Amino acid sequence: MEFLELIFGKIGDLTWGWSLIPILVVFGVFITITTGFVQFQFFKRMFRVLRSNDDADPNKISAREALLVSVGGRVGGGNIAGVAVAITLGGPGAVFWMWAIALVGMATSLVECSIAQLFKRKTGENEYRGGPARSIIHGLGNEYRWLAVVYAICLIAAFAFGFNAFQGNTVAGAVKDSMGIDRLYTGAGLAAISGLIIFGGIHRIAKVADVVVPIMAIGYLSMALIVILLNITSLPGVIYDIVANAFGFREAVGGGMGAALAQGLRRGLFSNEAGLGSAPNVAATAEVRHPISQGITQSFSVFIDTIIICSCTAFVILLGDVYVPGAEGIDGVVLTQQSMVSHLGSWTQYFLSAAILLFSFSSIIYNYYLGENALSFLTKNQMAIPALRIAIIGIVFLGATAPAATSVFFFSDPLMGVLALVNLLAIMMLFPVAMRLLNDFRAQLKAGIDRPVLDPDAYADLDIDREAWKVPAE
């Protein structure tokens, strides 16, 4: 075991340690500039996905449902505990760099999800599958299958297994600390509910996300908004501290600007997952008229995750008096929890436990689908997916009941680093295709077409599934 930990530790050092974050940042800036700041050009258009579409086919995954599934996956412990850790280690300035990487990541997410949409495959009457593994095969060619296989294996190990154990552990720990409920009961309940959802496949996952995600997001945002309004006169000072600390004008922790930059970028990337290749798996399930439409929607998902929800957590912490810059003490979810209590009273610890439960539950079903999609690429064995579903239920229960259970998943972060590098390599090679899609989308808008439609004949040189693009979606 020690040897394996050493190996995966080295992999983590070679990815997250020094190479991956700079690559994600540089490539994100490159995409932003090359696409003409696409995330700002289509920012207003992003909100269209929130509208109700009465004509949409209820048997198909809509753009909004795909958005909410991905938001449910991106929004998790990182939005509550991760932000607190970033502020503790990097000071208030870390929040600024989280905002910066989110704005850049919006462009990266738009590109990777648009590519996944283009190369999706129709696998049933109302079902599509796609993502980086299939984009590699159909976009780059079968000679790159080995790269797609590496990606799929890493996706299953990191997200379906490792991160689901972590989510189960987070929920059980929070419930035990605030309500005194034994981990065994929390684990059994969470595993049972998760099983009911994941055995329904992506359609049931999407329907549940369409209900759960708005409830959890609106509830959490409402509480944060109350805190902000109660401390509105202090808000300008907090924003000034964030900016001043970000550029080293005021050092709140050791390391100054360097610590703020490192923690902000790292926690921001972990939270919104832009460029990591996870969200494209969900983006490809949606029925849309043009790949860029879903790319815009998934770009909005990054905005919701970091600019809105992570900012709310940051303001709750920084507007309170629990956090002391540079002081060692509480951090993580406890810092967020105690900050909320200091603002609104002890009852909010129960509210936060409920929020963590919903956040983690939405992440579990999202992580499961990533594993299912990767497994469906690796094997056509009909027993594989049911076996994975049973394994995930066991993993969630194990992670929840054993306080140290997640230590066996030391491979999750390193393998996520590997799949992120594979995904970045693929979208770099397929970036010219993404630009073709973007130019086509812009040309149709310029011609007065409010809802651009993909013409498969214009991409006859590419290996796209014409059944998937046979009839424009509503």
Protein backbone atom coordinates (compact mmCIF):
# COMPACT_ATOMS: atom_id res chain seq x y z
CA MET A 1 0.00 0.00 0.00
CA GLU A 2 2.83 2.40 0.85
CA PHE A 3 4.36 1.77 -2.59
CA LEU A 4 1.03 2.57 -4.31
CA GLU A 5 0.64 5.71 -2.24
CA LEU A 6 4.13 6.75 -3.30
CA ILE A 7 3.37 6.15 -6.99
CA PHE A 8 0.09 8.06 -6.92
CA GLY A 9 1.72 10.78 -4.85
CA LYS A 10 4.30 11.28 -7.60
CA ILE A 11 1.53 11.37 -10.22
CA GLY A 12 -0.22 14.02 -8.16
CA ASP A 13 2.99 16.04 -7.87
CA LEU A 14 3.51 15.90 -11.65
CA THR A 15 -0.04 17.02 -12.40
CA TRP A 16 -1.57 19.20 -9.68
CA GLY A 17 1.85 19.93 -8.20
CA TRP A 18 3.34 22.04 -10.97
CA SER A 19 2.00 21.39 -14.46
CA LEU A 20 -1.78 21.16 -14.58
CA ILE A 21 -2.88 24.46 -13.02
CA PRO A 22 -0.57 26.61 -15.21
CA ILE A 23 -1.70 24.67 -18.29
CA LEU A 24 -5.38 25.12 -17.40
CA VAL A 25 -4.86 28.83 -16.82
CA VAL A 26 -2.75 29.45 -19.95
CA PHE A 27 -5.04 27.40 -22.18
CA GLY A 28 -8.11 29.09 -20.70
CA VAL A 29 -6.66 32.51 -21.46
CA PHE A 30 -5.73 31.33 -24.97
CA ILE A 31 -9.31 30.11 -25.62
CA THR A 32 -10.77 33.33 -24.21
CA ILE A 33 -8.66 35.53 -26.50
CA THR A 34 -8.91 33.31 -29.60
CA THR A 35 -12.69 33.02 -29.38
CA GLY A 36 -13.05 36.77 -28.95
CA PHE A 37 -14.09 36.60 -25.28
CA VAL A 38 -16.98 34.31 -26.14
CA GLN A 39 -18.12 33.98 -22.51
CA PHE A 40 -18.86 37.70 -22.40
CA GLN A 41 -20.35 37.87 -25.90
CA PHE A 42 -22.98 35.24 -25.06
CA PHE A 43 -23.39 36.05 -21.37
CA LYS A 44 -26.91 37.44 -21.78
CA ARG A 45 -27.86 34.43 -23.90
CA MET A 46 -26.91 32.05 -21.07
CA PHE A 47 -29.99 33.01 -19.07
CA ARG A 48 -32.33 31.81 -21.83
CA VAL A 49 -31.87 28.23 -20.65
CA LEU A 50 -33.72 29.04 -17.41
CA ARG A 51 -36.95 29.70 -19.30
CA SER A 52 -39.61 27.02 -19.26
CA ASN A 53 -40.11 25.30 -22.62
CA ASP A 54 -43.58 23.79 -22.77
CA ASP A 55 -42.95 22.30 -26.21
CA ALA A 56 -39.91 20.28 -25.11
CA ASP A 57 -40.19 16.49 -25.28
CA PRO A 58 -40.42 15.21 -21.67
CA ASN A 59 -38.79 11.93 -22.73
CA LYS A 60 -35.60 13.70 -23.76
CA ILE A 61 -32.94 15.45 -21.70
CA SER A 62 -33.45 19.19 -22.14
CA ALA A 63 -30.71 21.81 -22.11
CA ARG A 64 -31.95 23.03 -18.72
CA GLU A 65 -31.90 19.53 -17.21
CA ALA A 66 -28.36 18.98 -18.46
CA LEU A 67 -27.42 22.34 -16.92
CA LEU A 68 -28.90 21.43 -13.55
CA VAL A 69 -27.24 18.00 -13.50
CA SER A 70 -23.87 19.62 -14.16
CA VAL A 71 -24.52 22.39 -11.61
CA GLY A 72 -25.46 19.70 -9.10
CA GLY A 73 -22.14 17.99 -9.81
CA ARG A 74 -19.97 21.10 -9.73
CA VAL A 75 -21.66 22.44 -6.61
CA GLY A 76 -20.54 20.34 -3.65
CA GLY A 77 -18.27 20.42 -0.65
CA GLY A 78 -15.89 22.71 -2.50
CA ASN A 79 -18.45 25.51 -2.40
CA ILE A 80 -18.82 25.30 1.37
CA ALA A 81 -15.62 23.77 2.73
CA GLY A 82 -13.25 24.48 -0.19
CA VAL A 83 -13.85 28.23 -0.17
CA ALA A 84 -13.19 28.32 3.58
CA VAL A 85 -9.90 26.45 3.09
CA ALA A 86 -8.88 28.84 0.30
CA ILE A 87 -9.51 31.87 2.52
CA THR A 88 -7.73 30.30 5.50
CA LEU A 89 -4.59 29.43 3.52
CA GLY A 90 -4.62 32.23 0.95
CA GLY A 91 -6.44 35.08 2.68
CA PRO A 92 -9.36 37.09 1.25
CA GLY A 93 -7.41 37.59 -2.00
CA ALA A 94 -7.95 33.94 -2.88
CA VAL A 95 -11.57 34.82 -3.62
CA PHE A 96 -10.51 37.26 -6.34
CA TRP A 97 -8.43 34.61 -8.08
CA MET A 98 -11.32 32.16 -7.82
CA TRP A 99 -13.41 34.71 -9.70
CA ALA A 100 -10.67 35.19 -12.29
CA ILE A 101 -10.22 31.48 -13.01
CA ALA A 102 -13.99 31.06 -13.25
CA LEU A 103 -14.29 33.77 -15.91
CA VAL A 104 -11.50 32.13 -17.91
CA GLY A 105 -12.93 28.67 -17.26
CA MET A 106 -16.28 29.69 -18.73
CA ALA A 107 -14.65 29.82 -22.17
CA THR A 108 -12.86 26.49 -21.63
CA SER A 109 -16.11 24.82 -20.57
CA LEU A 110 -17.94 26.23 -23.60
CA VAL A 111 -15.37 24.71 -25.95
CA GLU A 112 -15.06 21.27 -24.32
CA CYS A 113 -18.83 20.85 -23.99
CA SER A 114 -19.53 22.00 -27.56
CA ILE A 115 -17.06 19.41 -28.85
CA ALA A 116 -18.73 16.70 -26.76
CA GLN A 117 -22.12 17.68 -28.20
CA LEU A 118 -20.88 17.53 -31.79
CA PHE A 119 -19.47 14.01 -31.45
CA LYS A 120 -22.27 12.54 -29.29
CA ARG A 121 -23.85 9.25 -30.34
CA LYS A 122 -27.50 8.28 -30.30
CA THR A 123 -27.82 5.14 -28.15
CA GLY A 124 -31.59 4.88 -27.78
CA GLU A 125 -34.85 6.43 -28.82
CA ASN A 126 -34.37 9.41 -26.50
CA GLU A 127 -30.82 8.98 -25.29
CA TYR A 128 -27.38 10.24 -26.28
CA ARG A 129 -23.91 9.54 -24.96
CA GLY A 130 -20.77 11.57 -25.42
CA GLY A 131 -17.85 13.14 -23.63
CA PRO A 132 -14.08 13.34 -24.05
CA ALA A 133 -13.60 9.58 -24.59
CA ARG A 134 -16.01 9.52 -27.53
CA SER A 135 -14.74 12.88 -28.81
CA ILE A 136 -11.23 11.41 -28.94
CA ILE A 137 -12.35 8.33 -30.89
CA HIS A 138 -14.63 10.11 -33.36
CA GLY A 139 -12.76 13.40 -33.53
CA LEU A 140 -9.14 12.28 -33.57
CA GLY A 141 -9.44 8.73 -34.88
CA ASN A 142 -9.24 5.15 -33.65
CA GLU A 143 -5.45 5.31 -33.34
CA TYR A 144 -6.03 7.43 -30.23
CA ARG A 145 -8.27 4.82 -28.58
CA TRP A 146 -5.62 4.17 -25.94
CA LEU A 147 -5.89 7.81 -24.88
CA ALA A 148 -9.67 7.52 -24.61
CA VAL A 149 -9.31 4.33 -22.54
CA VAL A 150 -6.90 6.03 -20.13
CA TYR A 151 -9.39 8.87 -19.74
CA ALA A 152 -12.36 6.55 -19.12
CA ILE A 153 -10.52 4.48 -16.48
CA CYS A 154 -9.38 7.61 -14.63
CA LEU A 155 -12.92 9.02 -14.73
CA ILE A 156 -14.40 5.91 -13.12
CA ALA A 157 -11.71 5.65 -10.45
CA ALA A 158 -11.62 9.35 -9.52
CA PHE A 159 -15.26 10.43 -9.74
CA ALA A 160 -17.46 7.33 -9.47
CA PHE A 161 -15.43 5.70 -6.70
CA GLY A 162 -13.14 8.16 -4.92
CA PHE A 163 -15.22 11.33 -4.89
CA ASN A 164 -18.45 9.47 -4.08
CA ALA A 165 -16.79 8.02 -0.98
CA PHE A 166 -15.72 11.54 -0.06
CA GLN A 167 -19.26 12.91 -0.52
CA GLY A 168 -20.72 10.16 1.65
CA ASN A 169 -18.12 10.85 4.31
CA THR A 170 -18.82 14.61 4.21
CA VAL A 171 -22.56 14.17 4.69
CA ALA A 172 -22.26 11.63 7.51
CA GLY A 173 -19.70 13.76 9.34
CA ALA A 174 -21.77 16.95 9.10
CA VAL A 175 -24.97 15.21 10.24
CA LYS A 176 -23.20 13.55 13.17
CA ASP A 177 -21.60 16.81 14.31
CA SER A 178 -24.77 18.90 14.12
CA MET A 179 -27.51 16.38 14.94
CA GLY A 180 -25.71 13.53 16.67
CA ILE A 181 -27.04 10.92 14.23
CA ASP A 182 -24.79 7.88 13.92
CA ARG A 183 -22.88 7.50 10.66
CA LEU A 184 -24.41 4.06 10.10
CA TYR A 185 -27.94 5.44 9.79
CA THR A 186 -26.89 8.38 7.61
CA GLY A 187 -24.88 6.08 5.37
CA ALA A 188 -27.73 3.60 4.99
CA GLY A 189 -30.24 6.33 4.16
CA LEU A 190 -27.95 8.11 1.71
CA ALA A 191 -27.01 4.85 -0.04
CA ALA A 192 -30.67 3.80 -0.33
CA ILE A 193 -31.81 7.13 -1.80
CA SER A 194 -28.84 7.21 -4.17
CA GLY A 195 -29.68 3.69 -5.33
CA LEU A 196 -33.28 4.63 -6.12
CA ILE A 197 -32.07 7.45 -8.35
CA ILE A 198 -29.08 5.90 -10.12
CA PHE A 199 -30.97 2.73 -11.04
CA GLY A 200 -33.23 4.98 -13.10
CA GLY A 201 -30.33 6.07 -15.31
CA ILE A 202 -29.69 9.53 -16.73
CA HIS A 203 -33.38 10.32 -17.26
CA ARG A 204 -34.26 9.84 -13.59
CA ILE A 205 -31.05 11.64 -12.55
CA ALA A 206 -32.03 14.60 -14.76
CA LYS A 207 -35.59 14.75 -13.38
CA VAL A 208 -34.34 14.66 -9.79
CA ALA A 209 -31.71 17.32 -10.50
CA ASP A 210 -34.42 19.51 -12.04
CA VAL A 211 -36.07 19.59 -8.60
CA VAL A 212 -33.24 19.23 -6.08
CA VAL A 213 -30.68 21.64 -7.56
CA PRO A 214 -32.95 24.74 -7.68
CA ILE A 215 -34.12 24.04 -4.12
CA MET A 216 -30.61 23.69 -2.72
CA ALA A 217 -29.21 26.62 -4.69
CA ILE A 218 -32.06 29.03 -3.93
CA GLY A 219 -32.13 28.00 -0.27
CA TYR A 220 -28.41 28.50 0.23
CA LEU A 221 -28.33 31.74 -1.75
CA SER A 222 -31.28 33.10 0.24
CA MET A 223 -29.49 32.52 3.53
CA ALA A 224 -26.31 34.13 2.20
CA LEU A 225 -28.28 37.09 0.86
CA ILE A 226 -29.81 37.67 4.30
CA VAL A 227 -26.31 37.72 5.81
CA ILE A 228 -25.11 40.16 3.15
CA LEU A 229 -28.09 42.49 3.65
CA LEU A 230 -27.60 42.48 7.42
CA ASN A 231 -23.98 43.52 6.88
CA ILE A 232 -24.42 45.62 3.75
CA THR A 233 -22.43 48.56 5.14
CA SER A 234 -19.40 46.29 5.63
CA LEU A 235 -19.57 44.81 2.13
CA PRO A 236 -17.50 47.53 0.34
CA GLY A 237 -14.70 47.05 2.87
CA VAL A 238 -14.73 43.27 2.34
CA ILE A 239 -14.55 43.68 -1.44
CA TYR A 240 -11.65 46.12 -1.01
CA ASP A 241 -9.84 43.59 1.21
CA ILE A 242 -10.36 40.87 -1.42
CA VAL A 243 -8.81 42.98 -4.17
CA ALA A 244 -6.04 44.46 -2.02
CA ASN A 245 -4.98 41.07 -0.73
CA ALA A 246 -5.14 39.56 -4.22
CA PHE A 247 -2.46 41.95 -5.48
CA GLY A 248 -0.35 42.00 -2.33
CA PHE A 249 -1.31 45.50 -1.22
CA ARG A 250 -2.41 44.07 2.10
CA GLU A 251 -1.03 40.73 3.27
CA ALA A 252 -3.49 38.74 5.36
CA VAL A 253 -1.54 35.47 5.50
CA GLY A 254 2.02 34.33 5.06
CA GLY A 255 2.93 34.24 1.39
CA GLY A 256 0.87 37.29 0.50
CA MET A 257 -0.14 37.51 -3.13
CA GLY A 258 1.50 34.16 -3.96
CA ALA A 259 -0.60 32.30 -1.41
CA ALA A 260 -3.77 34.05 -2.54
CA LEU A 261 -3.07 33.29 -6.19
CA ALA A 262 -2.19 29.63 -5.61
CA GLN A 263 -5.14 28.88 -3.34
CA GLY A 264 -7.63 30.83 -5.44
CA LEU A 265 -6.68 29.12 -8.69
CA ARG A 266 -6.48 25.65 -7.16
CA ARG A 267 -9.76 25.79 -5.24
CA GLY A 268 -11.52 27.53 -8.13
CA LEU A 269 -10.51 24.80 -10.57
CA PHE A 270 -11.47 22.05 -8.14
CA SER A 271 -14.86 23.68 -7.64
CA ASN A 272 -15.98 24.53 -11.18
CA GLU A 273 -14.13 21.66 -12.96
CA ALA A 274 -13.70 23.73 -16.14
CA GLY A 275 -11.24 21.92 -18.40
CA LEU A 276 -11.21 18.73 -16.34
CA GLY A 277 -13.42 16.88 -18.82
CA SER A 278 -16.22 15.87 -16.41
CA ALA A 279 -19.08 18.18 -17.43
CA PRO A 280 -18.89 17.31 -21.18
CA ASN A 281 -20.17 13.81 -20.32
CA VAL A 282 -23.42 15.35 -19.10
CA ALA A 283 -23.51 18.12 -21.73
CA ALA A 284 -23.64 15.48 -24.48
CA THR A 285 -26.92 14.02 -23.17
CA ALA A 286 -28.97 17.11 -24.02
CA GLU A 287 -31.17 17.50 -27.08
CA VAL A 288 -30.21 20.84 -28.64
CA ARG A 289 -30.25 22.49 -32.06
CA HIS A 290 -26.56 23.40 -32.18
CA PRO A 291 -23.53 22.21 -30.13
CA ILE A 292 -22.59 25.79 -29.19
CA SER A 293 -26.00 26.19 -27.51
CA GLN A 294 -25.09 23.54 -24.94
CA GLY A 295 -21.58 24.98 -24.68
CA ILE A 296 -23.09 28.33 -23.68
CA THR A 297 -25.32 26.57 -21.15
CA GLN A 298 -22.39 24.75 -19.55
CA SER A 299 -20.40 27.99 -19.46
CA PHE A 300 -23.27 29.36 -17.39
CA SER A 301 -22.84 26.40 -15.03
CA VAL A 302 -19.32 27.56 -14.19
CA PHE A 303 -20.65 31.06 -13.51
CA ILE A 304 -23.31 29.73 -11.14
CA ASP A 305 -20.86 27.52 -9.29
CA THR A 306 -18.05 29.97 -8.63
CA ILE A 307 -19.17 33.54 -9.25
CA ILE A 308 -22.48 33.09 -7.44
CA ILE A 309 -22.38 30.22 -4.93
CA CYS A 310 -18.68 30.32 -3.95
CA SER A 311 -18.92 34.10 -3.59
CA CYS A 312 -21.86 33.71 -1.19
CA THR A 313 -19.80 31.40 1.03
CA ALA A 314 -16.87 33.84 0.92
CA PHE A 315 -19.04 36.80 1.95
CA VAL A 316 -20.63 34.82 4.81
CA ILE A 317 -17.12 34.11 6.15
CA LEU A 318 -15.54 37.51 5.52
CA LEU A 319 -18.49 39.54 6.83
CA GLY A 320 -18.36 37.69 10.15
CA ASP A 321 -15.94 37.77 13.06
CA VAL A 322 -15.10 34.04 13.28
CA TYR A 323 -12.39 34.18 10.61
CA VAL A 324 -9.16 35.79 11.81
CA PRO A 325 -6.61 36.40 9.01
CA GLY A 326 -3.37 34.53 9.51
CA ALA A 327 -4.54 32.78 12.69
CA GLU A 328 -4.44 29.00 13.00
CA GLY A 329 -7.64 27.36 14.12
CA ILE A 330 -10.89 26.32 12.52
CA ASP A 331 -11.17 25.97 8.79
CA GLY A 332 -13.13 24.03 6.20
CA VAL A 333 -16.83 23.39 6.69
CA VAL A 334 -16.55 24.25 10.41
CA LEU A 335 -15.45 27.81 9.57
CA THR A 336 -18.40 28.26 7.22
CA GLN A 337 -20.77 26.72 9.75
CA GLN A 338 -19.59 28.85 12.68
CA SER A 339 -19.63 31.98 10.52
CA MET A 340 -23.25 31.34 9.60
CA VAL A 341 -24.09 30.73 13.28
CA SER A 342 -22.41 34.01 14.27
CA HIS A 343 -24.65 35.89 11.83
CA LEU A 344 -28.04 34.22 12.28
CA GLY A 345 -27.94 31.94 15.30
CA SER A 346 -27.28 28.32 16.23
CA TRP A 347 -30.23 26.97 14.24
CA THR A 348 -28.30 27.62 11.01
CA GLN A 349 -25.95 24.72 11.71
CA TYR A 350 -28.89 22.42 10.97
CA PHE A 351 -29.67 24.37 7.81
CA LEU A 352 -26.06 24.04 6.67
CA SER A 353 -26.11 20.30 7.37
CA ALA A 354 -29.19 20.04 5.15
CA ALA A 355 -27.45 22.11 2.47
CA ILE A 356 -24.39 19.85 2.60
CA LEU A 357 -26.69 16.82 2.31
CA LEU A 358 -28.34 18.19 -0.84
CA PHE A 359 -25.05 19.42 -2.33
CA SER A 360 -23.37 16.07 -1.73
CA PHE A 361 -26.37 14.05 -2.91
CA SER A 362 -26.47 15.93 -6.21
CA SER A 363 -22.74 15.33 -6.59
CA ILE A 364 -23.14 11.60 -5.92
CA ILE A 365 -25.67 11.06 -8.70
CA TYR A 366 -23.59 13.25 -11.03
CA ASN A 367 -20.39 11.35 -10.23
CA TYR A 368 -22.21 8.07 -10.75
CA TYR A 369 -23.33 9.09 -14.24
CA LEU A 370 -19.75 10.02 -15.17
CA GLY A 371 -18.71 6.51 -14.20
CA GLU A 372 -21.62 4.93 -16.09
CA ASN A 373 -20.83 6.89 -19.23
CA ALA A 374 -17.15 5.93 -19.08
CA LEU A 375 -17.98 2.27 -18.47
CA SER A 376 -20.40 2.20 -21.41
CA PHE A 377 -17.47 3.31 -23.56
CA LEU A 378 -15.12 0.63 -22.21
CA THR A 379 -17.46 -2.36 -22.48
CA LYS A 380 -20.77 -3.38 -24.04
CA ASN A 381 -21.37 -6.10 -21.41
CA GLN A 382 -24.96 -5.64 -20.24
CA MET A 383 -24.06 -6.63 -16.67
CA ALA A 384 -21.37 -3.97 -16.32
CA ILE A 385 -23.61 -1.00 -15.54
CA PRO A 386 -25.85 -2.81 -13.00
CA ALA A 387 -22.66 -4.00 -11.29
CA LEU A 388 -21.34 -0.43 -11.22
CA ARG A 389 -24.60 0.80 -9.66
CA ILE A 390 -24.36 -1.77 -6.87
CA ALA A 391 -20.69 -0.88 -6.33
CA ILE A 392 -21.51 2.85 -6.06
CA ILE A 393 -24.17 2.19 -3.42
CA GLY A 394 -21.58 0.23 -1.46
CA ILE A 395 -18.95 2.94 -1.91
CA VAL A 396 -21.31 5.66 -0.63
CA PHE A 397 -22.20 3.55 2.41
CA LEU A 398 -18.55 2.70 3.11
CA GLY A 399 -17.47 6.31 2.81
CA ALA A 400 -20.23 7.45 5.16
CA THR A 401 -19.81 4.81 7.88
CA ALA A 402 -16.03 4.70 8.21
CA PRO A 403 -14.45 8.03 9.26
CA ALA A 404 -11.12 7.03 7.69
CA ALA A 405 -12.60 5.23 4.70
CA THR A 406 -11.73 7.92 2.21
CA SER A 407 -8.02 7.45 2.93
CA VAL A 408 -8.06 4.44 0.59
CA PHE A 409 -9.02 6.77 -2.24
CA PHE A 410 -5.68 8.54 -2.25
CA PHE A 411 -5.60 7.92 -5.99
CA SER A 412 -8.57 10.21 -6.79
CA ASP A 413 -6.80 13.54 -7.07
CA PRO A 414 -3.80 12.20 -9.06
CA LEU A 415 -6.08 10.35 -11.49
CA MET A 416 -8.25 13.45 -11.91
CA GLY A 417 -5.04 15.25 -12.82
CA VAL A 418 -4.29 12.63 -15.48
CA LEU A 419 -7.78 12.78 -17.02
CA ALA A 420 -7.61 16.58 -17.02
CA LEU A 421 -4.33 16.49 -18.97
CA VAL A 422 -5.84 13.97 -21.43
CA ASN A 423 -8.91 16.16 -21.85
CA LEU A 424 -6.82 19.30 -22.41
CA LEU A 425 -4.71 17.50 -25.01
CA ALA A 426 -7.88 16.40 -26.82
CA ILE A 427 -9.52 19.82 -26.89
CA MET A 428 -6.25 21.43 -28.00
CA MET A 429 -6.20 19.06 -30.99
CA LEU A 430 -9.92 19.57 -31.66
CA PHE A 431 -9.90 23.32 -31.08
CA PRO A 432 -10.09 24.12 -34.84
CA VAL A 433 -13.34 22.11 -34.96
CA ALA A 434 -14.70 24.12 -32.04
CA MET A 435 -13.86 27.34 -33.90
CA ARG A 436 -15.76 26.05 -36.96
CA LEU A 437 -18.80 25.48 -34.76
CA LEU A 438 -18.46 28.90 -33.14
CA ASN A 439 -18.07 30.72 -36.48
CA ASP A 440 -21.10 28.85 -37.85
CA PHE A 441 -23.17 29.81 -34.79
CA ARG A 442 -22.15 33.47 -35.08
CA ALA A 443 -22.85 33.53 -38.81
CA GLN A 444 -26.38 32.25 -38.29
CA LEU A 445 -27.04 34.82 -35.58
CA LYS A 446 -25.74 37.55 -37.89
CA ALA A 447 -28.09 36.30 -40.61
CA GLY A 448 -31.04 36.84 -38.27
CA ILE A 449 -31.53 33.23 -37.11
CA ASP A 450 -32.38 33.53 -33.43
CA ARG A 451 -31.84 29.83 -32.71
CA PRO A 452 -29.03 28.48 -34.90
CA VAL A 453 -29.29 24.90 -36.17
CA LEU A 454 -26.43 22.52 -36.99
CA ASP A 455 -26.34 21.40 -40.63
CA PRO A 456 -24.69 17.93 -40.65
CA ASP A 457 -23.78 18.35 -44.33
CA ALA A 458 -21.45 21.21 -43.40
CA TYR A 459 -19.44 18.73 -41.28
CA ALA A 460 -19.43 15.80 -43.71
CA ASP A 461 -15.65 15.53 -43.30
CA LEU A 462 -16.08 14.66 -39.62
CA ASP A 463 -17.24 11.43 -37.99
CA ILE A 464 -20.48 12.72 -36.50
CA ASP A 465 -23.61 10.69 -35.86
CA ARG A 466 -26.23 11.91 -38.31
CA GLU A 467 -28.96 10.20 -36.32
CA ALA A 468 -28.06 12.41 -33.38
CA TRP A 469 -28.43 15.52 -35.55
CA LYS A 470 -31.25 14.32 -37.78
CA VAL A 471 -34.04 16.56 -36.49
CA PRO A 472 -33.46 19.95 -34.86
CA ALA A 473 -34.39 19.82 -31.18
CA GLU A 474 -36.88 22.17 -29.63
